[in-house]
Amino acid sequence: MQQNKYDDSAFFANYSRMPRSTGGLDAAGEWEDFRALLPDLRGAKVLDLGCGFGWHCRYAREQGASSVVGIDLSEKMLERARAMTDDPGIEYRRLAIEDFEFGAERFDAVISSLAFHYVERFDLLCRNVHRALEPGGSFVISVEHPIFTALAAQDWHYGPEGEALHWPVDDYHSEGAREARFLGHDVVKYHRTVASYVNGLIEAGFAIRKLSELQPTEEMLARNPEWREAVRRPIFFLIAAVKN
C-alpha cells in the first residue's frame, strides 16, 4: 500500500514544524551517524529514495556529487524541495519508492532517510536498488528501529505517577503493518525484524559494511535532554551496504 499522508494539509503543516523540517540535517538526531556511513560522494551519481525537502540531495551536491535524483510521492514535499534548491544538478521526481525504475547500473550511491518503514516489500526494494547500482556502489539507509516499530503504540509503559517505566516489546517476530499515531494522524508503518533488514540486503546481493543503532553522545544529550530516552531504547537503525 502506498501512502501519501504528506499531501494532507494538516499532516504536512505538522511535519513542517518539526525541528528536522525547519533546521535541516543538523537538527536531525541521526544525521551524524548517517553522514558517517556515506561513501565519498565526489563525482558520484546519487539517488535519494523518499527525498522529502531535499536536504540529503543538496548535501550530496555540496560533497561533490556529479548529479542527484530525489524521488518522493508527496507533491507538497517536492514543491518545498524545489523552492529550497537552486541547482541544475539536482532533479526531483514525483514517484513512489516502490515504483522507481531506472536503468541497470545507473547510480554510484543510493540513500534513504526514514522512509523504508513505510514500504511493505523491503526485499523487492533491495533487488531494485541492487540493479540500479554500479558494482561496488553504496546503499545507505536509516529506518525506525524494529524495537520501536514492534508495537503500534510506540510508547512507554507508564507508572502510576506518569513515569516511563520501560519500553514494551511484543509481537516482535510478527512482521507486517502497524497502524501508528504520528503527528496527530493514523499512519501505517511496516514492522520487520533486524534480521529481515540485514538478510534482505544480503539476499539481494549486498555486503553489509556497517550497522548503527544510534547511541546518543554526551554532546547530543547536552543539546537536547530528550535524547536520554534513546539511551534506554534505540529509535533509529542505520545500515551501510555495498553492491558485491
Foldseek 3Di string as FASTA:
>chain_A
DDDACCQVVLLVVLVCPDCCNVVPLVSDQCNVVLVVLDDQQAQWEEEEAQCFLPRVVVVSVVSHHQAYEYEHQYPVRVVNNVVVDDDPRYHYDRDHLLPDADAFQQTQEYEYEADCQQPFDLLSSLLRVLRNHHAFGKYKYKHWALQQPQAQASDADADPVRHRDARDHPNSCVWAWHFHADSNDTGITTHDHPCCNVVSNVVSQKDWDDKDLDQDDPVNCVVPVVCVVCNRPGTMIMTMITHD
